[in-house]
Amino acid sequence: MIERQVAIVDPAAAGHPASFLVSVEVERERPDLVRKLRDWFRGEPAVQQAYYVTGSADYVLLVVTRDIQAFDALMSEMMASNPNVRRFTTNVVMSAVKRGLMVPIDES
C-alpha cells in the first residue's frame, strides 16, 4: 500500500518559494505525443505533482521554482519541448493553506 516515504519540505527553506498551479491543454491526445509530455512532467524536478483531469484542461500541475523568471523559463521550455501543448494557464499560489499527501484510511 505504501508507494514511498517522503519528507514534506518547506519550499521557501529549500530555495523554491514560488508555487504555481498550472492547467495545461493539449492539441491532440495521440499516444506518442501524450507519452512525451507525461515523460517531460515526470522528468522535471520543478513539477511536484501532475494530474490528468477532466474539464477545460487536460492536465493540472503543481510547480515550484525560485521565482517568476525561473517559472517563465520552465514554461517556455515546456512549450518548446512539447509542441502539442495548445496553451497553459497559471494560478500563482499566494499562500499554502494545507500541504500534504496523506490519504485517510478507513479503519472499519
PDB file of N, CA and C in Angstrom:
ATOM      1  N   MET A   1       0.816  -1.187   0.000  1.00  0.00           N
ATOM      2  CA  MET A   1       0.000   0.000   0.000  1.00  0.00           C
ATOM      3  C   MET A   1       0.869   1.264   0.000  1.00  0.00           C
ATOM      4  N   ILE A   2       1.981   1.252   0.703  1.00  0.00           N
ATOM      5  CA  ILE A   2       2.862   2.431   0.756  1.00  0.00           C
ATOM      6  C   ILE A   2       3.735   2.442  -0.496  1.00  0.00           C
ATOM      7  N   GLU A   3       3.620   3.515  -1.301  1.00  0.00           N
ATOM      8  CA  GLU A   3       4.423   3.636  -2.519  1.00  0.00           C
ATOM      9  C   GLU A   3       5.838   4.082  -2.214  1.00  0.00           C
ATOM     10  N   ARG A   4       5.994   5.063  -1.327  1.00  0.00           N
ATOM     11  CA  ARG A   4       7.309   5.550  -0.918  1.00  0.00           C
ATOM     12  C   ARG A   4       7.133   6.455   0.286  1.00  0.00           C
ATOM     13  N   GLN A   5       8.217   6.684   0.994  1.00  0.00           N
ATOM     14  CA  GLN A   5       8.195   7.590   2.131  1.00  0.00           C
ATOM     15  C   GLN A   5       8.888   8.875   1.725  1.00  0.00           C
ATOM     16  N   VAL A   6       8.283   9.991   2.090  1.00  0.00           N
ATOM     17  CA  VAL A   6       8.845  11.294   1.731  1.00  0.00           C
ATOM     18  C   VAL A   6       8.787  12.223   2.930  1.00  0.00           C
ATOM     19  N   ALA A   7       9.595  13.254   2.878  1.00  0.00           N
ATOM     20  CA  ALA A   7       9.533  14.323   3.874  1.00  0.00           C
ATOM     21  C   ALA A   7       8.862  15.519   3.219  1.00  0.00           C
ATOM     22  N   ILE A   8       8.026  16.202   3.951  1.00  0.00           N
ATOM     23  CA  ILE A   8       7.406  17.423   3.436  1.00  0.00           C
ATOM     24  C   ILE A   8       8.336  18.576   3.808  1.00  0.00           C
ATOM     25  N   VAL A   9       8.964  19.141   2.783  1.00  0.00           N
ATOM     26  CA  VAL A   9       9.975  20.179   2.964  1.00  0.00           C
ATOM     27  C   VAL A   9       9.350  21.538   2.660  1.00  0.00           C
ATOM     28  N   ASP A  10       9.709  22.522   3.450  1.00  0.00           N
ATOM     29  CA  ASP A  10       9.246  23.885   3.200  1.00  0.00           C
ATOM     30  C   ASP A  10       9.923  24.384   1.928  1.00  0.00           C
ATOM     31  N   PRO A  11       9.152  24.650   0.854  1.00  0.00           N
ATOM     32  CA  PRO A  11       9.766  25.079  -0.411  1.00  0.00           C
ATOM     33  C   PRO A  11      10.617  26.342  -0.265  1.00  0.00           C
ATOM     34  N   ALA A  12      10.173  27.282   0.556  1.00  0.00           N
ATOM     35  CA  ALA A  12      10.941  28.521   0.730  1.00  0.00           C
ATOM     36  C   ALA A  12      12.301  28.225   1.360  1.00  0.00           C
ATOM     37  N   ALA A  13      12.335  27.345   2.343  1.00  0.00           N
ATOM     38  CA  ALA A  13      13.599  26.997   3.001  1.00  0.00           C
ATOM     39  C   ALA A  13      14.537  26.270   2.035  1.00  0.00           C
ATOM     40  N   ALA A  14      13.967  25.605   1.033  1.00  0.00           N
ATOM     41  CA  ALA A  14      14.769  24.881   0.043  1.00  0.00           C
ATOM     42  C   ALA A  14      15.131  25.753  -1.154  1.00  0.00           C
ATOM     43  N   GLY A  15      14.777  27.040  -1.105  1.00  0.00           N
ATOM     44  CA  GLY A  15      15.144  27.950  -2.183  1.00  0.00           C
ATOM     45  C   GLY A  15      14.165  27.988  -3.341  1.00  0.00           C
ATOM     46  N   HIS A  16      12.973  27.446  -3.146  1.00  0.00           N
ATOM     47  CA  HIS A  16      11.939  27.453  -4.186  1.00  0.00           C
ATOM     48  C   HIS A  16      10.625  27.964  -3.596  1.00  0.00           C
ATOM     49  N   PRO A  17      10.567  29.248  -3.244  1.00  0.00           N
ATOM     50  CA  PRO A  17       9.398  29.774  -2.545  1.00  0.00           C
ATOM     51  C   PRO A  17       8.177  30.045  -3.431  1.00  0.00           C
ATOM     52  N   ALA A  18       8.351  30.043  -4.744  1.00  0.00           N
ATOM     53  CA  ALA A  18       7.241  30.372  -5.641  1.00  0.00           C
ATOM     54  C   ALA A  18       6.527  29.096  -6.084  1.00  0.00           C
ATOM     55  N   SER A  19       5.216  29.051  -5.865  1.00  0.00           N
ATOM     56  CA  SER A  19       4.414  27.884  -6.255  1.00  0.00           C
ATOM     57  C   SER A  19       3.340  28.314  -7.238  1.00  0.00           C
ATOM     58  N   PHE A  20       3.061  27.435  -8.191  1.00  0.00           N
ATOM     59  CA  PHE A  20       2.112  27.730  -9.259  1.00  0.00           C
ATOM     60  C   PHE A  20       1.240  26.507  -9.523  1.00  0.00           C
ATOM     61  N   LEU A  21      -0.045  26.741  -9.739  1.00  0.00           N
ATOM     62  CA  LEU A  21      -0.951  25.704 -10.221  1.00  0.00           C
ATOM     63  C   LEU A  21      -1.159  25.984 -11.695  1.00  0.00           C
ATOM     64  N   VAL A  22      -0.794  25.021 -12.530  1.00  0.00           N
ATOM     65  CA  VAL A  22      -0.781  25.224 -13.977  1.00  0.00           C
ATOM     66  C   VAL A  22      -1.761  24.263 -14.632  1.00  0.00           C
ATOM     67  N   SER A  23      -2.677  24.809 -15.420  1.00  0.00           N
ATOM     68  CA  SER A  23      -3.592  23.995 -16.222  1.00  0.00           C
ATOM     69  C   SER A  23      -3.031  23.928 -17.633  1.00  0.00           C
ATOM     70  N   VAL A  24      -2.926  22.723 -18.179  1.00  0.00           N
ATOM     71  CA  VAL A  24      -2.316  22.511 -19.490  1.00  0.00           C
ATOM     72  C   VAL A  24      -3.345  21.885 -20.421  1.00  0.00           C
ATOM     73  N   GLU A  25      -3.476  22.486 -21.610  1.00  0.00           N
ATOM     74  CA  GLU A  25      -4.351  21.935 -22.649  1.00  0.00           C
ATOM     75  C   GLU A  25      -3.479  21.434 -23.797  1.00  0.00           C
ATOM     76  N   VAL A  26      -3.822  20.255 -24.332  1.00  0.00           N
ATOM     77  CA  VAL A  26      -3.079  19.701 -25.466  1.00  0.00           C
ATOM     78  C   VAL A  26      -3.927  19.783 -26.730  1.00  0.00           C
ATOM     79  N   GLU A  27      -3.241  19.797 -27.878  1.00  0.00           N
ATOM     80  CA  GLU A  27      -3.927  19.827 -29.179  1.00  0.00           C
ATOM     81  C   GLU A  27      -4.582  18.483 -29.482  1.00  0.00           C
ATOM     82  N   ARG A  28      -3.761  17.423 -29.431  1.00  0.00           N
ATOM     83  CA  ARG A  28      -4.220  16.078 -29.781  1.00  0.00           C
ATOM     84  C   ARG A  28      -3.785  15.108 -28.700  1.00  0.00           C
ATOM     85  N   GLU A  29      -4.582  14.082 -28.500  1.00  0.00           N
ATOM     86  CA  GLU A  29      -4.254  13.090 -27.478  1.00  0.00           C
ATOM     87  C   GLU A  29      -3.685  11.823 -28.102  1.00  0.00           C
ATOM     88  N   ARG A  30      -2.837  12.016 -29.131  1.00  0.00           N
ATOM     89  CA  ARG A  30      -2.146  10.871 -29.727  1.00  0.00           C
ATOM     90  C   ARG A  30      -1.241  10.245 -28.674  1.00  0.00           C
ATOM     91  N   PRO A  31      -1.240   8.920 -28.564  1.00  0.00           N
ATOM     92  CA  PRO A  31      -0.447   8.267 -27.515  1.00  0.00           C
ATOM     93  C   PRO A  31       1.024   8.674 -27.486  1.00  0.00           C
ATOM     94  N   ASP A  32       1.668   8.811 -28.633  1.00  0.00           N
ATOM     95  CA  ASP A  32       3.088   9.165 -28.639  1.00  0.00           C
ATOM     96  C   ASP A  32       3.316  10.586 -28.117  1.00  0.00           C
ATOM     97  N   LEU A  33       2.420  11.518 -28.466  1.00  0.00           N
ATOM     98  CA  LEU A  33       2.558  12.902 -28.004  1.00  0.00           C
ATOM     99  C   LEU A  33       2.258  13.016 -26.512  1.00  0.00           C
ATOM    100  N   VAL A  34       1.238  12.295 -26.063  1.00  0.00           N
ATOM    101  CA  VAL A  34       0.882  12.302 -24.636  1.00  0.00           C
ATOM    102  C   VAL A  34       2.006  11.687 -23.819  1.00  0.00           C
ATOM    103  N   ARG A  35       2.578  10.605 -24.295  1.00  0.00           N
ATOM    104  CA  ARG A  35       3.687   9.946 -23.589  1.00  0.00           C
ATOM    105  C   ARG A  35       4.874  10.901 -23.436  1.00  0.00           C
ATOM    106  N   LYS A  36       5.190  11.617 -24.504  1.00  0.00           N
ATOM    107  CA  LYS A  36       6.309  12.564 -24.456  1.00  0.00           C
ATOM    108  C   LYS A  36       6.055  13.665 -23.418  1.00  0.00           C
ATOM    109  N   LEU A  37       4.836  14.191 -23.383  1.00  0.00           N
ATOM    110  CA  LEU A  37       4.503  15.239 -22.421  1.00  0.00           C
ATOM    111  C   LEU A  37       4.547  14.699 -20.998  1.00  0.00           C
ATOM    112  N   ARG A  38       3.972  13.534 -20.782  1.00  0.00           N
ATOM    113  CA  ARG A  38       3.998  12.937 -19.438  1.00  0.00           C
ATOM    114  C   ARG A  38       5.429  12.643 -18.994  1.00  0.00           C
ATOM    115  N   ASP A  39       6.259  12.189 -19.905  1.00  0.00           N
ATOM    116  CA  ASP A  39       7.666  11.960 -19.573  1.00  0.00           C
ATOM    117  C   ASP A  39       8.350  13.268 -19.177  1.00  0.00           C
ATOM    118  N   TRP A  40       7.991  14.357 -19.865  1.00  0.00           N
ATOM    119  CA  TRP A  40       8.555  15.664 -19.514  1.00  0.00           C
ATOM    120  C   TRP A  40       8.135  16.048 -18.099  1.00  0.00           C
ATOM    121  N   PHE A  41       6.834  15.883 -17.776  1.00  0.00           N
ATOM    122  CA  PHE A  41       6.354  16.173 -16.412  1.00  0.00           C
ATOM    123  C   PHE A  41       7.131  15.354 -15.385  1.00  0.00           C
ATOM    124  N   ARG A  42       7.239  14.048 -15.627  1.00  0.00           N
ATOM    125  CA  ARG A  42       7.910  13.149 -14.677  1.00  0.00           C
ATOM    126  C   ARG A  42       9.386  13.504 -14.499  1.00  0.00           C
ATOM    127  N   GLY A  43      10.027  13.939 -15.558  1.00  0.00           N
ATOM    128  CA  GLY A  43      11.458  14.214 -15.508  1.00  0.00           C
ATOM    129  C   GLY A  43      11.837  15.589 -15.006  1.00  0.00           C
ATOM    130  N   GLU A  44      10.864  16.476 -14.857  1.00  0.00           N
ATOM    131  CA  GLU A  44      11.157  17.850 -14.446  1.00  0.00           C
ATOM    132  C   GLU A  44      11.000  17.990 -12.928  1.00  0.00           C
ATOM    133  N   PRO A  45      12.098  18.218 -12.189  1.00  0.00           N
ATOM    134  CA  PRO A  45      12.019  18.314 -10.727  1.00  0.00           C
ATOM    135  C   PRO A  45      11.099  19.424 -10.214  1.00  0.00           C
ATOM    136  N   ALA A  46      10.954  20.503 -10.964  1.00  0.00           N
ATOM    137  CA  ALA A  46      10.087  21.599 -10.514  1.00  0.00           C
ATOM    138  C   ALA A  46       8.611  21.211 -10.532  1.00  0.00           C
ATOM    139  N   VAL A  47       8.253  20.217 -11.336  1.00  0.00           N
ATOM    140  CA  VAL A  47       6.867  19.734 -11.366  1.00  0.00           C
ATOM    141  C   VAL A  47       6.705  18.757 -10.207  1.00  0.00           C
ATOM    142  N   GLN A  48       6.063  19.218  -9.161  1.00  0.00           N
ATOM    143  CA  GLN A  48       5.905  18.413  -7.958  1.00  0.00           C
ATOM    144  C   GLN A  48       4.775  17.397  -8.071  1.00  0.00           C
ATOM    145  N   GLN A  49       3.714  17.786  -8.740  1.00  0.00           N
ATOM    146  CA  GLN A  49       2.569  16.907  -8.929  1.00  0.00           C
ATOM    147  C   GLN A  49       1.996  17.169 -10.313  1.00  0.00           C
ATOM    148  N   ALA A  50       1.489  16.116 -10.938  1.00  0.00           N
ATOM    149  CA  ALA A  50       0.875  16.246 -12.261  1.00  0.00           C
ATOM    150  C   ALA A  50      -0.315  15.306 -12.316  1.00  0.00           C
ATOM    151  N   TYR A  51      -1.445  15.835 -12.744  1.00  0.00           N
ATOM    152  CA  TYR A  51      -2.682  15.061 -12.794  1.00  0.00           C
ATOM    153  C   TYR A  51      -3.325  15.184 -14.168  1.00  0.00           C
ATOM    154  N   TYR A  52      -3.778  14.068 -14.707  1.00  0.00           N
ATOM    155  CA  TYR A  52      -4.594  14.031 -15.921  1.00  0.00           C
ATOM    156  C   TYR A  52      -6.019  14.216 -15.432  1.00  0.00           C
ATOM    157  N   VAL A  53      -6.723  15.248 -15.938  1.00  0.00           N
ATOM    158  CA  VAL A  53      -8.011  15.637 -15.363  1.00  0.00           C
ATOM    159  C   VAL A  53      -9.091  15.789 -16.431  1.00  0.00           C
ATOM    160  N   THR A  54     -10.324  15.861 -15.970  1.00  0.00           N
ATOM    161  CA  THR A  54     -11.446  16.214 -16.831  1.00  0.00           C
ATOM    162  C   THR A  54     -11.684  17.713 -16.714  1.00  0.00           C
ATOM    163  N   GLY A  55     -12.500  18.250 -17.609  1.00  0.00           N
ATOM    164  CA  GLY A  55     -12.809  19.671 -17.556  1.00  0.00           C
ATOM    165  C   GLY A  55     -12.131  20.427 -18.677  1.00  0.00           C
ATOM    166  N   SER A  56     -11.904  21.710 -18.464  1.00  0.00           N
ATOM    167  CA  SER A  56     -11.362  22.557 -19.527  1.00  0.00           C
ATOM    168  C   SER A  56      -9.884  22.296 -19.799  1.00  0.00           C
ATOM    169  N   ALA A  57      -9.155  21.763 -18.828  1.00  0.00           N
ATOM    170  CA  ALA A  57      -7.734  21.438 -19.013  1.00  0.00           C
ATOM    171  C   ALA A  57      -7.578  19.931 -19.140  1.00  0.00           C
ATOM    172  N   ASP A  58      -6.445  19.531 -19.693  1.00  0.00           N
ATOM    173  CA  ASP A  58      -6.127  18.107 -19.782  1.00  0.00           C
ATOM    174  C   ASP A  58      -5.253  17.657 -18.612  1.00  0.00           C
ATOM    175  N   TYR A  59      -4.392  18.556 -18.141  1.00  0.00           N
ATOM    176  CA  TYR A  59      -3.506  18.265 -17.018  1.00  0.00           C
ATOM    177  C   TYR A  59      -3.498  19.456 -16.064  1.00  0.00           C
ATOM    178  N   VAL A  60      -3.282  19.164 -14.799  1.00  0.00           N
ATOM    179  CA  VAL A  60      -3.064  20.199 -13.791  1.00  0.00           C
ATOM    180  C   VAL A  60      -1.765  19.851 -13.081  1.00  0.00           C
ATOM    181  N   LEU A  61      -0.903  20.848 -12.964  1.00  0.00           N
ATOM    182  CA  LEU A  61       0.418  20.658 -12.367  1.00  0.00           C
ATOM    183  C   LEU A  61       0.583  21.539 -11.142  1.00  0.00           C
ATOM    184  N   LEU A  62       1.338  21.059 -10.175  1.00  0.00           N
ATOM    185  CA  LEU A  62       1.837  21.895  -9.092  1.00  0.00           C
ATOM    186  C   LEU A  62       3.323  22.059  -9.358  1.00  0.00           C
ATOM    187  N   VAL A  63       3.751  23.308  -9.538  1.00  0.00           N
ATOM    188  CA  VAL A  63       5.132  23.615  -9.911  1.00  0.00           C
ATOM    189  C   VAL A  63       5.731  24.540  -8.858  1.00  0.00           C
ATOM    190  N   VAL A  64       6.977  24.272  -8.461  1.00  0.00           N
ATOM    191  CA  VAL A  64       7.695  25.175  -7.551  1.00  0.00           C
ATOM    192  C   VAL A  64       8.974  25.641  -8.224  1.00  0.00           C
ATOM    193  N   THR A  65       9.272  26.922  -8.077  1.00  0.00           N
ATOM    194  CA  THR A  65      10.509  27.491  -8.619  1.00  0.00           C
ATOM    195  C   THR A  65      11.038  28.540  -7.654  1.00  0.00           C
ATOM    196  N   ARG A  66      12.237  29.052  -7.946  1.00  0.00           N
ATOM    197  CA  ARG A  66      12.821  30.071  -7.066  1.00  0.00           C
ATOM    198  C   ARG A  66      12.164  31.432  -7.251  1.00  0.00           C
ATOM    199  N   ASP A  67      11.620  31.703  -8.476  1.00  0.00           N
ATOM    200  CA  ASP A  67      10.983  32.988  -8.726  1.00  0.00           C
ATOM    201  C   ASP A  67      10.180  32.930 -10.028  1.00  0.00           C
ATOM    202  N   ILE A  68       9.533  34.019 -10.361  1.00  0.00           N
ATOM    203  CA  ILE A  68       8.688  34.072 -11.554  1.00  0.00           C
ATOM    204  C   ILE A  68       9.507  33.925 -12.832  1.00  0.00           C
ATOM    205  N   GLN A  69      10.732  34.436 -12.822  1.00  0.00           N
ATOM    206  CA  GLN A  69      11.581  34.315 -14.009  1.00  0.00           C
ATOM    207  C   GLN A  69      11.932  32.850 -14.283  1.00  0.00           C
ATOM    208  N   ALA A  70      12.215  32.093 -13.236  1.00  0.00           N
ATOM    209  CA  ALA A  70      12.513  30.669 -13.408  1.00  0.00           C
ATOM    210  C   ALA A  70      11.272  29.924 -13.893  1.00  0.00           C
ATOM    211  N   PHE A  71      10.105  30.313 -13.386  1.00  0.00           N
ATOM    212  CA  PHE A  71       8.860  29.695 -13.848  1.00  0.00           C
ATOM    213  C   PHE A  71       8.631  29.996 -15.324  1.00  0.00           C
ATOM    214  N   ASP A  72       8.837  31.240 -15.715  1.00  0.00           N
ATOM    215  CA  ASP A  72       8.656  31.636 -17.111  1.00  0.00           C
ATOM    216  C   ASP A  72       9.591  30.839 -18.022  1.00  0.00           C
ATOM    217  N   ALA A  73      10.837  30.677 -17.618  1.00  0.00           N
ATOM    218  CA  ALA A  73      11.800  29.898 -18.408  1.00  0.00           C
ATOM    219  C   ALA A  73      11.369  28.432 -18.495  1.00  0.00           C
ATOM    220  N   LEU A  74      10.871  27.888 -17.395  1.00  0.00           N
ATOM    221  CA  LEU A  74      10.420  26.495 -17.378  1.00  0.00           C
ATOM    222  C   LEU A  74       9.230  26.286 -18.308  1.00  0.00           C
ATOM    223  N   MET A  75       8.276  27.205 -18.291  1.00  0.00           N
ATOM    224  CA  MET A  75       7.104  27.068 -19.161  1.00  0.00           C
ATOM    225  C   MET A  75       7.485  27.264 -20.628  1.00  0.00           C
ATOM    226  N   SER A  76       8.452  28.127 -20.893  1.00  0.00           N
ATOM    227  CA  SER A  76       8.954  28.277 -22.266  1.00  0.00           C
ATOM    228  C   SER A  76       9.595  26.980 -22.735  1.00  0.00           C
ATOM    229  N   GLU A  77      10.344  26.335 -21.839  1.00  0.00           N
ATOM    230  CA  GLU A  77      10.965  25.050 -22.165  1.00  0.00           C
ATOM    231  C   GLU A  77       9.888  23.985 -22.424  1.00  0.00           C
ATOM    232  N   MET A  78       8.844  23.979 -21.590  1.00  0.00           N
ATOM    233  CA  MET A  78       7.763  23.005 -21.784  1.00  0.00           C
ATOM    234  C   MET A  78       7.117  23.183 -23.153  1.00  0.00           C
ATOM    235  N   MET A  79       6.846  24.420 -23.536  1.00  0.00           N
ATOM    236  CA  MET A  79       6.209  24.686 -24.830  1.00  0.00           C
ATOM    237  C   MET A  79       7.141  24.313 -25.983  1.00  0.00           C
ATOM    238  N   ALA A  80       8.426  24.619 -25.856  1.00  0.00           N
ATOM    239  CA  ALA A  80       9.382  24.296 -26.920  1.00  0.00           C
ATOM    240  C   ALA A  80       9.586  22.787 -27.053  1.00  0.00           C
ATOM    241  N   SER A  81       9.589  22.088 -25.928  1.00  0.00           N
ATOM    242  CA  SER A  81       9.813  20.637 -25.933  1.00  0.00           C
ATOM    243  C   SER A  81       8.572  19.841 -26.311  1.00  0.00           C
ATOM    244  N   ASN A  82       7.416  20.470 -26.197  1.00  0.00           N
ATOM    245  CA  ASN A  82       6.147  19.771 -26.413  1.00  0.00           C
ATOM    246  C   ASN A  82       5.219  20.624 -27.279  1.00  0.00           C
ATOM    247  N   PRO A  83       5.437  20.646 -28.591  1.00  0.00           N
ATOM    248  CA  PRO A  83       4.616  21.488 -29.461  1.00  0.00           C
ATOM    249  C   PRO A  83       3.139  21.080 -29.488  1.00  0.00           C
ATOM    250  N   ASN A  84       2.819  19.943 -28.909  1.00  0.00           N
ATOM    251  CA  ASN A  84       1.431  19.510 -28.810  1.00  0.00           C
ATOM    252  C   ASN A  84       0.666  20.271 -27.722  1.00  0.00           C
ATOM    253  N   VAL A  85       1.360  21.029 -26.875  1.00  0.00           N
ATOM    254  CA  VAL A  85       0.686  21.833 -25.854  1.00  0.00           C
ATOM    255  C   VAL A  85       0.042  23.032 -26.542  1.00  0.00           C
ATOM    256  N   ARG A  86      -1.272  23.126 -26.440  1.00  0.00           N
ATOM    257  CA  ARG A  86      -2.010  24.235 -27.054  1.00  0.00           C
ATOM    258  C   ARG A  86      -1.822  25.513 -26.253  1.00  0.00           C
ATOM    259  N   ARG A  87      -2.010  25.396 -24.945  1.00  0.00           N
ATOM    260  CA  ARG A  87      -1.868  26.569 -24.063  1.00  0.00           C
ATOM    261  C   ARG A  87      -1.801  26.095 -22.620  1.00  0.00           C
ATOM    262  N   PHE A  88      -1.371  26.992 -21.764  1.00  0.00           N
ATOM    263  CA  PHE A  88      -1.422  26.731 -20.328  1.00  0.00           C
ATOM    264  C   PHE A  88      -1.882  27.997 -19.635  1.00  0.00           C
ATOM    265  N   THR A  89      -2.534  27.823 -18.515  1.00  0.00           N
ATOM    266  CA  THR A  89      -2.929  28.951 -17.675  1.00  0.00           C
ATOM    267  C   THR A  89      -2.345  28.711 -16.290  1.00  0.00           C
ATOM    268  N   THR A  90      -2.043  29.801 -15.622  1.00  0.00           N
ATOM    269  CA  THR A  90      -1.327  29.705 -14.357  1.00  0.00           C
ATOM    270  C   THR A  90      -2.063  30.448 -13.250  1.00  0.00           C
ATOM    271  N   ASN A  91      -2.139  29.796 -12.100  1.00  0.00           N
ATOM    272  CA  ASN A  91      -2.566  30.439 -10.867  1.00  0.00           C
ATOM    273  C   ASN A  91      -1.360  30.489  -9.948  1.00  0.00           C
ATOM    274  N   VAL A  92      -1.026  31.675  -9.465  1.00  0.00           N
ATOM    275  CA  VAL A  92       0.090  31.836  -8.541  1.00  0.00           C
ATOM    276  C   VAL A  92      -0.425  31.549  -7.135  1.00  0.00           C
ATOM    277  N   VAL A  93       0.280  30.693  -6.407  1.00  0.00           N
ATOM    278  CA  VAL A  93      -0.106  30.377  -5.038  1.00  0.00           C
ATOM    279  C   VAL A  93       0.347  31.525  -4.151  1.00  0.00           C
ATOM    280  N   MET A  94      -0.613  32.182  -3.513  1.00  0.00           N
ATOM    281  CA  MET A  94      -0.312  33.294  -2.615  1.00  0.00           C
ATOM    282  C   MET A  94       0.153  32.794  -1.251  1.00  0.00           C
ATOM    283  N   SER A  95      -0.493  31.734  -0.748  1.00  0.00           N
ATOM    284  CA  SER A  95      -0.045  31.074   0.477  1.00  0.00           C
ATOM    285  C   SER A  95      -0.633  29.662   0.500  1.00  0.00           C
ATOM    286  N   ALA A  96       0.107  28.759   1.071  1.00  0.00           N
ATOM    287  CA  ALA A  96      -0.350  27.376   1.187  1.00  0.00           C
ATOM    288  C   ALA A  96      -1.185  27.249   2.455  1.00  0.00           C
ATOM    289  N   VAL A  97      -2.439  26.924   2.292  1.00  0.00           N
ATOM    290  CA  VAL A  97      -3.329  26.741   3.432  1.00  0.00           C
ATOM    291  C   VAL A  97      -3.137  25.349   4.022  1.00  0.00           C
ATOM    292  N   LYS A  98      -2.890  24.372   3.142  1.00  0.00           N
ATOM    293  CA  LYS A  98      -2.650  22.994   3.579  1.00  0.00           C
ATOM    294  C   LYS A  98      -1.811  22.302   2.515  1.00  0.00           C
ATOM    295  N   ARG A  99      -0.786  21.556   2.944  1.00  0.00           N
ATOM    296  CA  ARG A  99       0.036  20.773   2.028  1.00  0.00           C
ATOM    297  C   ARG A  99       0.176  19.387   2.619  1.00  0.00           C
ATOM    298  N   GLY A 100       0.182  18.401   1.763  1.00  0.00           N
ATOM    299  CA  GLY A 100       0.402  17.049   2.242  1.00  0.00           C
ATOM    300  C   GLY A 100      -0.020  16.020   1.220  1.00  0.00           C
ATOM    301  N   LEU A 101       0.326  14.779   1.476  1.00  0.00           N
ATOM    302  CA  LEU A 101      -0.034  13.690   0.595  1.00  0.00           C
ATOM    303  C   LEU A 101      -0.692  12.549   1.360  1.00  0.00           C
ATOM    304  N   MET A 102      -1.069  12.796   2.626  1.00  0.00           N
ATOM    305  CA  MET A 102      -1.680  11.760   3.425  1.00  0.00           C
ATOM    306  C   MET A 102      -3.037  11.355   2.843  1.00  0.00           C
ATOM    307  N   VAL A 103      -3.299  10.064   2.830  1.00  0.00           N
ATOM    308  CA  VAL A 103      -4.589   9.547   2.399  1.00  0.00           C
ATOM    309  C   VAL A 103      -5.280   8.964   3.633  1.00  0.00           C
ATOM    310  N   PRO A 104      -6.489   9.452   3.958  1.00  0.00           N
ATOM    311  CA  PRO A 104      -7.196   8.886   5.112  1.00  0.00           C
ATOM    312  C   PRO A 104      -7.480   7.402   4.879  1.00  0.00           C
ATOM    313  N   ILE A 105      -7.258   6.598   5.886  1.00  0.00           N
ATOM    314  CA  ILE A 105      -7.521   5.167   5.799  1.00  0.00           C
ATOM    315  C   ILE A 105      -8.674   4.835   6.725  1.00  0.00           C
ATOM    316  N   ASP A 106      -9.697   4.221   6.153  1.00  0.00           N
ATOM    317  CA  ASP A 106     -10.876   3.814   6.908  1.00  0.00           C
ATOM    318  C   ASP A 106     -10.495   2.617   7.766  1.00  0.00           C
ATOM    319  N   GLU A 107     -10.620   2.772   9.069  1.00  0.00           N
ATOM    320  CA  GLU A 107     -10.191   1.710   9.988  1.00  0.00           C
ATOM    321  C   GLU A 107     -11.296   0.718  10.313  1.00  0.00           C
ATOM    322  N   SER A 108     -12.444   0.827   9.663  1.00  0.00           N
ATOM    323  CA  SER A 108     -13.546  -0.100   9.994  1.00  0.00           C
ATOM    324  C   SER A 108     -13.442  -1.411   9.265  1.00  0.00           C
TER     325      SER A 108
END
